[in-house]
Amino acid sequence: MLATVEAKIGEFIVEHLGYEGSLEDLIGSRPAELPDILDSEEVLELVTWVEIEFDAEIEDDEITHENFLTVPRIATYLATKAAVRD
């Protein structure tokens, strides 16, 4: 499940936020750090998309490096939110 979530998020970044690297750069063993490749507007666009795509309510104080530093961290964060919600 996490791999699917990671792939969806990575594809969004590549297709809609204009990231010119590969999907592997975003979800591989050493994933790119999003603050290095996205500006603040793009981060907000990503967060909004994640909320809609994964039916997740994300509070402002949850948009942290711990949760949103890399694509795998976002996927793990979403899995944790879903587990708490269920």
Protein backbone atom coordinates (compact mmCIF):
# COMPACT_ATOMS: atom_id res chain seq x y z
CA MET A 1 0.00 0.00 0.00
CA LEU A 2 2.77 2.49 0.90
CA ALA A 3 4.47 1.91 -2.45
CA THR A 4 1.24 2.76 -4.26
CA VAL A 5 0.79 5.93 -2.21
CA GLU A 6 4.41 6.91 -2.82
CA ALA A 7 4.02 6.35 -6.57
CA LYS A 8 0.83 8.45 -6.73
CA ILE A 9 2.45 11.32 -4.83
CA GLY A 10 5.61 11.10 -6.92
CA GLU A 11 3.62 11.08 -10.16
CA PHE A 12 1.73 14.18 -9.03
CA ILE A 13 4.99 16.00 -8.32
CA VAL A 14 6.41 15.05 -11.72
CA GLU A 15 3.26 15.64 -13.77
CA HIS A 16 1.71 18.66 -12.03
CA LEU A 17 4.50 20.44 -10.18
CA GLY A 18 7.04 20.23 -12.97
CA TYR A 19 9.73 18.20 -11.24
CA GLU A 20 12.19 17.27 -13.98
CA GLY A 21 13.85 14.36 -12.21
CA SER A 22 12.63 10.80 -12.26
CA LEU A 23 10.05 9.09 -10.11
CA GLU A 24 12.90 6.98 -8.73
CA ASP A 25 14.54 10.20 -7.47
CA LEU A 26 11.44 10.80 -5.35
CA ILE A 27 10.73 7.33 -4.00
CA GLY A 28 14.05 5.48 -4.21
CA SER A 29 16.36 4.47 -1.39
CA ARG A 30 17.69 8.05 -1.11
CA PRO A 31 14.64 10.16 -1.97
CA ALA A 32 14.99 13.83 -2.87
CA GLU A 33 14.05 16.21 -0.09
CA LEU A 34 11.01 18.17 -1.15
CA PRO A 35 12.14 21.56 0.25
CA ASP A 36 15.06 21.32 -2.20
CA ILE A 37 12.79 20.87 -5.24
CA LEU A 38 9.49 22.59 -4.40
CA ASP A 39 8.80 26.20 -3.50
CA SER A 40 6.26 27.16 -0.82
CA GLU A 41 3.38 27.50 -3.29
CA GLU A 42 4.10 24.06 -4.71
CA VAL A 43 4.19 22.57 -1.20
CA LEU A 44 0.76 24.06 -0.51
CA GLU A 45 -0.52 22.69 -3.81
CA LEU A 46 0.87 19.26 -2.88
CA VAL A 47 -0.73 19.36 0.56
CA THR A 48 -4.10 20.36 -0.92
CA TRP A 49 -3.88 17.57 -3.48
CA VAL A 50 -2.91 15.02 -0.80
CA GLU A 51 -5.92 16.05 1.31
CA ILE A 52 -8.27 15.55 -1.64
CA GLU A 53 -6.66 12.46 -3.16
CA PHE A 54 -6.32 10.56 0.11
CA ASP A 55 -9.29 12.04 1.98
CA ALA A 56 -7.01 13.30 4.74
CA GLU A 57 -7.48 16.36 6.89
CA ILE A 58 -4.05 17.92 7.40
CA GLU A 59 -3.65 20.58 10.05
CA ASP A 60 -1.17 23.40 9.49
CA ASP A 61 0.98 22.21 12.41
CA GLU A 62 1.27 18.78 10.76
CA ILE A 63 3.08 20.19 7.73
CA THR A 64 6.53 19.55 9.16
CA HIS A 65 9.83 18.12 8.00
CA GLU A 66 9.00 14.98 9.92
CA ASN A 67 5.84 14.46 7.83
CA PHE A 68 6.63 16.17 4.51
CA LEU A 69 10.39 16.05 3.96
CA THR A 70 10.26 13.27 1.36
CA VAL A 71 7.62 11.35 -0.57
CA PRO A 72 8.13 8.22 1.59
CA ARG A 73 7.62 10.31 4.74
CA ILE A 74 4.34 11.66 3.36
CA ALA A 75 3.17 8.10 2.65
CA THR A 76 4.11 6.98 6.17
CA TYR A 77 2.39 10.01 7.68
CA LEU A 78 -0.79 9.27 5.70
CA ALA A 79 -0.72 5.63 6.81
CA THR A 80 -0.45 6.78 10.43
CA LYS A 81 -3.38 9.20 10.00
CA ALA A 82 -5.49 6.47 8.41
CA ALA A 83 -4.69 4.06 11.23
CA VAL A 84 -5.70 6.65 13.83
CA ARG A 85 -8.90 7.48 11.92
CA ASP A 86 -10.00 3.83 11.53
